[in-house]
Protein backbone atom coordinates (compact mmCIF):
# COMPACT_ATOMS: atom_id res chain seq x y z
CA UNK A 1 78.92 95.99 116.40
CA UNK A 2 75.43 94.51 116.47
CA UNK A 3 73.70 93.54 119.68
CA UNK A 4 72.17 90.19 118.79
CA UNK A 5 70.10 90.17 121.97
CA UNK A 6 68.09 93.13 120.66
CA UNK A 7 67.13 91.30 117.46
CA UNK A 8 64.30 88.75 117.28
CA UNK A 9 64.13 86.00 114.67
CA UNK A 10 61.23 83.72 113.81
CA UNK A 11 61.21 80.63 111.60
CA UNK A 12 58.59 78.93 109.46
CA UNK A 13 59.20 75.32 108.42
CA UNK A 14 57.26 74.06 105.39
CA UNK A 15 57.09 70.59 103.93
CA UNK A 16 58.32 67.34 105.40
CA UNK A 17 59.83 66.12 108.65
CA UNK A 18 63.32 66.39 107.19
CA UNK A 19 62.72 70.10 106.59
CA UNK A 20 61.51 70.49 110.17
CA UNK A 21 64.73 69.00 111.54
CA UNK A 22 66.74 71.40 109.35
CA UNK A 23 64.71 74.31 110.71
CA UNK A 24 65.21 73.12 114.29
CA UNK A 25 68.96 73.02 113.71
CA UNK A 26 68.92 76.55 112.30
CA UNK A 27 66.82 77.79 115.22
CA UNK A 28 69.29 76.29 117.67
CA UNK A 29 72.25 77.92 115.92
CA UNK A 30 70.47 81.28 115.91
CA UNK A 31 69.57 81.05 119.60
CA UNK A 32 73.04 79.93 120.64
CA UNK A 33 74.52 82.89 118.72
CA UNK A 34 72.58 85.23 120.99
CA UNK A 35 69.58 86.17 118.86
CA UNK A 36 66.11 86.01 120.39
CA UNK A 37 63.80 83.36 118.92
CA UNK A 38 60.19 84.44 118.47
CA UNK A 39 57.11 82.43 117.58
CA UNK A 40 55.46 85.48 116.03
CA UNK A 41 56.64 86.61 112.60
CA UNK A 42 54.70 89.86 112.98
CA UNK A 43 56.72 90.73 116.08
CA UNK A 44 60.12 89.73 114.67
CA UNK A 45 62.94 91.61 112.99
CA UNK A 46 63.92 88.67 110.77
CA UNK A 47 61.81 85.86 109.34
CA UNK A 48 63.44 82.68 108.05
CA UNK A 49 61.21 80.61 105.76
CA UNK A 50 62.48 77.05 105.23
CA UNK A 51 60.78 75.98 102.03
CA UNK A 52 59.80 72.80 100.23
CA UNK A 53 60.06 72.59 96.45
CA UNK A 54 59.32 68.94 95.74
CA UNK A 55 56.10 69.27 93.74
CA UNK A 56 53.97 72.08 92.35
CA UNK A 57 51.67 72.36 95.37
CA UNK A 58 54.68 72.63 97.69
CA UNK A 59 56.18 75.39 95.54
CA UNK A 60 52.91 77.29 95.66
CA UNK A 61 52.74 76.98 99.44
CA UNK A 62 56.28 78.33 99.73
CA UNK A 63 55.65 81.24 97.38
CA UNK A 64 52.45 82.15 99.22
CA UNK A 65 54.36 82.13 102.52
CA UNK A 66 56.99 84.48 101.08
CA UNK A 67 54.32 86.84 99.75
CA UNK A 68 52.56 86.93 103.12
CA UNK A 69 55.89 87.70 104.75
CA UNK A 70 56.33 90.53 102.25
CA UNK A 71 53.03 92.01 103.41
CA UNK A 72 54.44 92.08 106.94
CA UNK A 73 57.72 93.60 105.81
CA UNK A 74 56.07 96.38 103.84
CA UNK A 75 53.49 97.07 106.51
CA UNK A 76 50.42 96.11 104.50
CA UNK A 77 48.86 94.67 107.66
CA UNK A 78 49.55 97.80 109.69
CA UNK A 79 52.82 96.53 111.21
CA UNK A 80 56.32 97.45 110.12
CA UNK A 81 58.33 95.44 112.64
CA UNK A 82 59.62 92.83 110.18
CA UNK A 83 62.75 94.12 108.46
CA UNK A 84 64.27 91.16 106.66
CA UNK A 85 63.26 87.88 105.01
CA UNK A 86 65.61 84.94 104.46
CA UNK A 87 64.43 82.03 102.31
CA UNK A 88 66.14 78.67 102.82
CA UNK A 89 65.68 75.07 101.75
CA UNK A 90 64.44 73.28 98.69
CA UNK A 91 62.84 76.15 96.76
CA UNK A 92 65.99 78.21 97.26
CA UNK A 93 68.15 75.38 95.98
CA UNK A 94 66.07 75.02 92.82
CA UNK A 95 65.23 78.63 91.99
CA UNK A 96 67.67 81.01 93.73
CA UNK A 97 67.96 83.52 90.90
CA UNK A 98 64.20 83.60 90.30
CA UNK A 99 63.51 84.25 93.98
CA UNK A 100 66.03 87.09 94.20
CA UNK A 101 65.00 88.72 90.91
CA UNK A 102 61.24 88.31 91.14
CA UNK A 103 60.63 88.63 94.89
CA UNK A 104 62.28 91.87 96.08
CA UNK A 105 60.97 91.30 99.60
CA UNK A 106 63.55 88.52 100.00
CA UNK A 107 66.95 89.65 101.26
CA UNK A 108 68.93 86.41 101.24
CA UNK A 109 68.48 82.89 99.91
CA UNK A 110 70.29 79.83 101.23
CA UNK A 111 70.17 76.45 99.52
CA UNK A 112 70.18 73.05 101.16
CA UNK A 113 73.93 73.17 101.71
CA UNK A 114 73.70 76.60 103.31
CA UNK A 115 71.80 75.89 106.52
CA UNK A 116 75.00 76.06 108.57
CA UNK A 117 75.55 79.66 107.37
CA UNK A 118 72.32 81.03 108.81
CA UNK A 119 73.95 83.04 111.63
CA UNK A 120 76.45 84.67 109.25
CA UNK A 121 73.56 85.51 106.95
CA UNK A 122 71.58 87.24 109.71
CA UNK A 123 74.68 89.06 110.95
CA UNK A 124 75.28 90.50 107.48
CA UNK A 125 71.81 92.08 107.48
CA UNK A 126 72.67 94.23 110.48
CA UNK A 127 76.39 94.84 109.99
CA UNK A 128 75.96 96.77 106.77
CA UNK A 129 77.96 94.25 104.78
CA UNK A 130 76.89 92.13 101.86
CA UNK A 131 76.29 88.45 102.45
CA UNK A 132 77.44 86.20 99.66
CA UNK A 133 74.54 83.86 98.99
CA UNK A 134 75.48 80.21 99.41
CA UNK A 135 72.82 78.78 97.15
CA UNK A 136 75.38 77.95 94.49
CA UNK A 137 76.85 75.27 96.73
CA UNK A 138 76.34 71.58 96.10
CA UNK A 139 72.90 70.29 97.06
CA UNK A 140 72.35 68.66 100.41
CA UNK A 141 74.92 67.48 102.92
CA UNK A 142 74.77 66.76 106.66
CA UNK A 143 77.22 69.35 108.00
CA UNK A 144 74.41 71.51 109.38
CA UNK A 145 72.86 68.77 111.51
CA UNK A 146 73.33 69.18 115.26
CA UNK A 147 73.58 66.41 117.82
CA UNK A 148 71.74 68.58 120.35
CA UNK A 149 69.01 70.80 118.89
CA UNK A 150 65.88 72.57 120.11
CA UNK A 151 63.06 70.09 119.40
CA UNK A 152 59.73 71.64 118.46
CA UNK A 153 57.49 68.56 118.58
CA UNK A 154 55.57 67.22 121.55
CA UNK A 155 55.48 63.57 122.56
CA UNK A 156 58.01 62.39 119.99
CA UNK A 157 61.19 63.61 118.28
CA UNK A 158 62.36 63.23 114.71
CA UNK A 159 65.89 61.92 114.18
CA UNK A 160 67.38 62.43 110.74
CA UNK A 161 69.71 59.55 109.82
CA UNK A 162 70.65 60.60 106.30
CA UNK A 163 70.25 63.17 103.56
CA UNK A 164 69.56 62.93 99.85
CA UNK A 165 68.72 59.89 97.73
CA UNK A 166 70.63 57.25 95.78
CA UNK A 167 67.67 56.54 93.51
CA UNK A 168 66.92 58.43 90.31
CA UNK A 169 63.19 58.15 89.79
CA UNK A 170 62.31 59.87 86.53
CA UNK A 171 59.66 62.13 88.12
CA UNK A 172 61.55 63.17 91.24
CA UNK A 173 63.64 66.29 91.88
CA UNK A 174 64.88 65.22 95.33
CA UNK A 175 68.41 64.26 94.14
CA UNK A 176 68.66 67.66 92.43
CA UNK A 177 67.59 69.45 95.60
CA UNK A 178 69.13 67.28 98.30
CA UNK A 179 71.97 65.52 96.52
CA UNK A 180 72.94 61.87 96.59
CA UNK A 181 72.34 59.88 99.75
CA UNK A 182 74.68 60.54 102.65
CA UNK A 183 74.38 58.52 105.87
CA UNK A 184 75.17 60.06 109.23
CA UNK A 185 77.80 58.12 111.19
CA UNK A 186 76.11 55.71 113.59
CA UNK A 187 77.93 57.02 116.65
CA UNK A 188 76.63 60.51 115.89
CA UNK A 189 73.06 59.26 115.59
CA UNK A 190 73.34 57.27 118.83
CA UNK A 191 74.73 60.29 120.67
CA UNK A 192 71.82 62.40 119.45
CA UNK A 193 69.33 59.68 120.40
CA UNK A 194 70.80 59.66 123.92
CA UNK A 195 70.38 63.42 124.21
CA UNK A 196 66.80 63.19 122.94
CA UNK A 197 66.06 60.53 125.56
CA UNK A 198 67.64 62.69 128.29
CA UNK A 199 65.11 65.40 127.44
CA UNK A 200 62.26 63.04 128.28
CA UNK A 201 61.27 61.88 124.79
CA UNK A 202 60.28 58.24 124.77
CA UNK A 203 59.42 57.87 121.07
CA UNK A 204 61.94 58.55 118.31
CA UNK A 205 61.00 58.65 114.63
CA UNK A 206 63.85 57.85 112.24
CA UNK A 207 63.59 59.77 108.99
CA UNK A 208 65.45 60.19 105.70
CA UNK A 209 64.53 60.16 102.02
CA UNK A 210 65.33 56.42 102.13
CA UNK A 211 65.90 54.99 105.60
CA UNK A 212 66.31 51.45 104.26
CA UNK A 213 69.52 52.46 102.48
CA UNK A 214 71.05 53.77 105.69
CA UNK A 215 74.76 52.99 105.84
CA UNK A 216 75.10 51.60 102.33
CA UNK A 217 77.59 54.20 101.09
CA UNK A 218 79.25 54.70 104.48
CA UNK A 219 79.69 51.12 105.67
CA UNK A 220 79.30 49.21 102.42
CA UNK A 221 76.04 47.58 103.44
CA UNK A 222 72.60 48.45 104.78
CA UNK A 223 72.89 49.13 108.50
CA UNK A 224 69.35 50.09 109.53
CA UNK A 225 68.78 46.82 111.48
CA UNK A 226 71.97 47.36 113.50
CA UNK A 227 71.09 51.02 114.08
CA UNK A 228 67.68 50.01 115.43
CA UNK A 229 69.21 47.48 117.79
CA UNK A 230 71.65 50.05 119.15
CA UNK A 231 69.09 52.86 119.57
CA UNK A 232 66.70 50.64 121.50
CA UNK A 233 69.45 49.93 124.04
CA UNK A 234 69.49 53.60 125.10
CA UNK A 235 67.89 54.15 128.48
CA UNK A 236 64.60 56.02 128.30
CA UNK A 237 63.73 55.16 124.70
CA UNK A 238 60.62 53.01 124.59
CA UNK A 239 59.59 53.22 120.93
CA UNK A 240 61.38 53.68 117.61
CA UNK A 241 59.49 54.22 114.35
CA UNK A 242 60.95 53.89 110.84
CA UNK A 243 59.61 56.05 108.01
CA UNK A 244 60.20 56.29 104.27
CA UNK A 245 61.85 53.18 102.87
CA UNK A 246 62.01 51.19 99.66
CA UNK A 247 60.63 47.69 99.20
CA UNK A 248 63.99 46.28 98.12
CA UNK A 249 65.54 47.54 101.35
CA UNK A 250 63.07 45.65 103.53
CA UNK A 251 65.02 42.43 103.93
CA UNK A 252 65.16 39.51 106.36
CA UNK A 253 67.49 41.34 108.73
CA UNK A 254 65.17 44.33 109.07
CA UNK A 255 62.05 42.19 109.44
CA UNK A 256 63.75 40.12 112.14
CA UNK A 257 64.62 43.21 114.18
CA UNK A 258 61.10 44.59 113.79
CA UNK A 259 59.57 41.26 114.74
CA UNK A 260 61.85 40.43 117.67
CA UNK A 261 62.62 43.81 119.24
CA UNK A 262 59.58 45.04 121.22
CA UNK A 263 60.73 48.68 121.03
CA UNK A 264 60.69 48.81 117.22
CA UNK A 265 57.15 49.74 116.21
CA UNK A 266 55.30 47.54 113.73
CA UNK A 267 54.85 50.28 111.16
CA UNK A 268 56.39 50.93 107.75
CA UNK A 269 55.91 53.74 105.26
CA UNK A 270 57.01 52.42 101.87
CA UNK A 271 56.08 54.61 98.87
CA UNK A 272 55.54 52.25 95.92
CA UNK A 273 54.40 55.02 93.51
CA UNK A 274 52.43 52.73 91.18
CA UNK A 275 50.93 49.30 90.61
CA UNK A 276 51.59 48.74 86.92
CA UNK A 277 54.91 47.34 85.68
CA UNK A 278 54.95 49.48 82.54
CA UNK A 279 54.61 52.69 84.54
CA UNK A 280 57.01 51.53 87.27
CA UNK A 281 59.62 50.94 84.58
CA UNK A 282 59.01 54.37 83.03
CA UNK A 283 59.35 55.89 86.50
CA UNK A 284 62.78 54.19 86.83
CA UNK A 285 61.55 52.34 89.89
CA UNK A 286 63.34 49.15 90.87
CA UNK A 287 60.21 47.28 92.01
CA UNK A 288 57.80 45.21 89.96
CA UNK A 289 54.23 44.26 90.80
CA UNK A 290 55.34 40.71 91.55
CA UNK A 291 58.14 41.89 93.85
CA UNK A 292 55.81 44.25 95.73
CA UNK A 293 53.25 41.46 96.11
CA UNK A 294 55.80 38.97 97.42
CA UNK A 295 57.39 41.47 99.79
CA UNK A 296 54.02 42.41 101.28
CA UNK A 297 53.22 38.74 101.84
CA UNK A 298 56.56 38.23 103.55
CA UNK A 299 56.16 41.26 105.81
CA UNK A 300 52.64 40.33 106.88
CA UNK A 301 53.48 36.70 107.47
CA UNK A 302 56.32 37.67 109.81
CA UNK A 303 54.60 40.66 111.46
CA UNK A 304 50.84 40.01 111.34
CA UNK A 305 49.84 43.25 113.08
CA UNK A 306 52.02 45.48 110.86
CA UNK A 307 50.52 48.78 109.72
CA UNK A 308 51.65 49.62 106.19
CA UNK A 309 51.46 53.04 104.58
CA UNK A 310 52.30 53.89 100.98
CA UNK A 311 52.18 56.70 98.44
CA UNK A 312 51.14 56.45 94.81
CA UNK A 313 51.53 58.88 91.92
CA UNK A 314 48.89 59.10 89.21
CA UNK A 315 48.85 60.88 85.88
CA UNK A 316 52.44 60.02 85.02
CA UNK A 317 53.20 60.67 81.33
CA UNK A 318 51.81 57.86 79.23
CA UNK A 319 49.60 56.42 81.97
CA UNK A 320 46.59 54.95 80.18
CA UNK A 321 43.22 54.03 81.64
CA UNK A 322 44.35 50.42 81.51
CA UNK A 323 47.49 51.24 83.48
CA UNK A 324 45.48 53.20 86.02
CA UNK A 325 42.89 50.46 86.43
CA UNK A 326 45.71 47.98 87.03
CA UNK A 327 46.91 50.25 89.84
CA UNK A 328 43.41 50.26 91.37
CA UNK A 329 43.15 46.47 91.10
CA UNK A 330 46.46 46.01 92.84
CA UNK A 331 45.62 48.50 95.58
CA UNK A 332 42.53 46.40 96.29
CA UNK A 333 44.74 43.32 96.39
CA UNK A 334 47.56 44.82 98.44
CA UNK A 335 45.25 46.51 100.98
CA UNK A 336 47.56 49.11 102.46
CA UNK A 337 46.29 50.40 105.81
CA UNK A 338 47.19 54.00 104.94
CA UNK A 339 47.70 55.65 101.59
CA UNK A 340 48.55 59.04 100.14
CA UNK A 341 47.99 59.91 96.50
CA UNK A 342 49.50 62.70 94.42
CA UNK A 343 48.98 63.87 90.87
CA UNK A 344 52.12 63.99 88.75
CA UNK A 345 53.58 67.45 88.23
CA UNK A 346 56.34 68.03 85.64
CA UNK A 347 59.57 68.97 87.41
CA UNK A 348 62.34 70.74 85.52
CA UNK A 349 65.53 68.75 84.89
CA UNK A 350 63.92 65.40 85.63
CA UNK A 351 63.74 62.65 83.03
CA UNK A 352 59.94 62.73 82.90
CA UNK A 353 59.67 66.48 82.30
CA UNK A 354 59.80 66.20 78.50
CA UNK A 355 58.21 62.78 78.14
CA UNK A 356 55.45 62.52 75.53
CA UNK A 357 51.81 61.77 76.27
CA UNK A 358 51.43 64.09 79.25
CA UNK A 359 48.13 63.50 81.06
CA UNK A 360 45.73 66.45 81.31
CA UNK A 361 45.00 68.01 84.68
CA UNK A 362 41.33 67.04 84.84
CA UNK A 363 42.18 63.40 84.24
CA UNK A 364 44.82 63.57 86.98
CA UNK A 365 42.32 65.02 89.46
CA UNK A 366 39.76 62.36 88.61
CA UNK A 367 42.32 59.60 89.08
CA UNK A 368 43.36 60.98 92.47
CA UNK A 369 39.69 60.96 93.46
CA UNK A 370 39.25 57.35 92.33
CA UNK A 371 42.32 56.20 94.23
CA UNK A 372 41.03 57.70 97.46
CA UNK A 373 37.56 56.31 96.78
CA UNK A 374 39.08 52.85 96.32
CA UNK A 375 41.24 53.16 99.40
CA UNK A 376 38.51 54.47 101.72
CA UNK A 377 36.79 51.19 102.51
CA UNK A 378 40.13 49.39 102.86
CA UNK A 379 41.46 51.96 105.34
CA UNK A 380 38.19 52.10 107.27
CA UNK A 381 38.04 48.32 107.62
CA UNK A 382 41.65 48.31 108.82
CA UNK A 383 40.98 50.95 111.46
CA UNK A 384 37.69 49.42 112.64
CA UNK A 385 39.33 46.02 113.01
CA UNK A 386 41.39 47.49 115.84
CA UNK A 387 38.36 48.45 117.95
CA UNK A 388 38.49 46.47 121.18
CA UNK A 389 42.26 46.00 121.06
CA UNK A 390 44.61 47.15 123.79
CA UNK A 391 47.61 49.18 122.67
CA UNK A 392 50.27 51.45 124.12
CA UNK A 393 50.05 55.07 122.96
CA UNK A 394 52.29 58.11 123.05
CA UNK A 395 50.44 61.24 124.17
CA UNK A 396 51.21 64.21 121.92
CA UNK A 397 48.91 66.81 123.44
CA UNK A 398 45.44 67.81 124.56
CA UNK A 399 42.52 67.99 122.13
CA UNK A 400 40.87 71.32 121.36
CA UNK A 401 37.89 70.39 123.55
CA UNK A 402 40.19 70.19 126.58
CA UNK A 403 38.68 66.82 127.51
CA UNK A 404 40.49 64.22 125.43
CA UNK A 405 44.19 63.67 124.91
CA UNK A 406 45.61 63.36 121.39
CA UNK A 407 47.69 60.22 121.11
CA UNK A 408 49.16 57.71 118.67
CA UNK A 409 49.74 53.99 118.95
CA UNK A 410 52.28 52.02 116.92
CA UNK A 411 49.83 52.26 114.02
CA UNK A 412 49.78 56.06 113.72
CA UNK A 413 52.79 58.03 112.51
CA UNK A 414 52.97 61.77 113.22
CA UNK A 415 51.46 64.30 110.80
CA UNK A 416 49.96 62.08 108.10
CA UNK A 417 47.90 59.49 109.97
CA UNK A 418 44.67 59.63 112.02
CA UNK A 419 44.97 60.03 115.78
CA UNK A 420 43.53 58.34 118.84
CA UNK A 421 41.55 60.53 121.24
CA UNK A 422 42.09 59.19 124.72
CA UNK A 423 39.88 59.68 127.76
CA UNK A 424 41.83 59.36 130.99
CA UNK A 425 39.95 57.22 133.48
CA UNK A 426 42.17 58.07 136.45
CA UNK A 427 44.24 61.23 136.85
CA UNK A 428 45.98 63.30 134.20
CA UNK A 429 48.23 61.96 131.46
CA UNK A 430 51.63 63.47 130.74
CA UNK A 431 52.50 64.85 127.31
CA UNK A 432 55.10 62.49 125.93
CA UNK A 433 54.05 59.72 128.30
CA UNK A 434 53.21 56.25 127.09
CA UNK A 435 50.07 54.56 128.38
CA UNK A 436 48.09 51.40 127.82
CA UNK A 437 44.61 52.06 126.42
CA UNK A 438 41.69 50.18 124.91
CA UNK A 439 40.35 51.39 121.56
CA UNK A 440 36.56 51.66 121.83
CA UNK A 441 35.47 53.50 118.69
CA UNK A 442 36.50 54.41 115.14
CA UNK A 443 34.99 57.33 113.22
CA UNK A 444 34.26 57.48 109.50
CA UNK A 445 37.35 59.70 109.17
CA UNK A 446 39.53 56.94 110.70
CA UNK A 447 40.22 58.76 113.98
CA UNK A 448 39.77 56.45 116.96
CA UNK A 449 38.72 56.91 120.57
CA UNK A 450 40.25 55.03 123.47
CA UNK A 451 40.16 54.89 127.26
CA UNK A 452 43.20 54.56 129.50
CA UNK A 453 43.60 51.33 131.44
């Protein structure tokens, strides 16, 4: 009989916010089972690495993390405390056999439908039995999600409203890794939101691969507007942010809620992927340049202070210089406030993997550079236009200098966006608190400085 209290477990979460929520749910299950949670892999008996496997750079990050963990396990750094390594998540779902055969430091792999089995997996390492790896299960699912979990973020909390994706973009492996889209029942989400609020969190960030499709397969229609209305009625919640949607899911109902409900932040992250109809069609995207243009006009006319973020993908097979230049022209026209750019990487079992006319790596890198060069002045002008404005911010922490607070207004989402450094004029500010400030400065790197009012 194992004594779980004598065994320490640490977790590393790689990749996106959805992965972080999955890791938080695993950590909670492990703790509630009686194991000790540690923040130090070097001082742990078991290390769980929750991986991303979306694109090539994410795979490399995951593999490097596993190799570093192997150094700990084999004592290459002078320590031999770490005994076992469990790899979970997206990389495990895609390449379970490769991980087990080529990385002997890994003891167990769990795919994206195996998160709920994490305690059984750890038990098997110390009971002398053999754990049957669950990676062969169907991708994705929401059974592992907890209504009450240990939240690792400061100032705000992620709330996962669905899993997987209904879309089948030709470049994307998400449906293979996470399955088709599954919405969480609204009552479950509202119960979790209430628990989050009871813990003192005032800002909730709704996340899924496609938040705008929330409810479509469960209730027969898109239910994100109704969900937003219900969440904002919960006592203690002062701000709700929506991330990762599709243009066709941003309809009149959603815009009305965002415009009329003061607790729904005026921020949208809508990855468009490209700005050329020929490439959008090859990507199996539903949008066209005209539709994107019209939707942006509609959003900005109804919510003039909206902050819009997008993601584009360059170097897709067959993308010519003409196609790429059309993307640049439209980015100048569309003027997104924030933008991320990725180079296409061929992903096995996707429609684009074997497409002809693959673009060489140097061309991809140069196109990424040109996109960011084009976007720089647009983003800087957007940020500088906010100097002098008064906004409410959520305080996430204290800056490294110990003088300023690190905060975000409605215009800054966690992780990807710049931050606002806030100087408190009177007294200390609470982490997670929301305060009115005036923005007084914007740096060349888009970070802003503000003073509390």
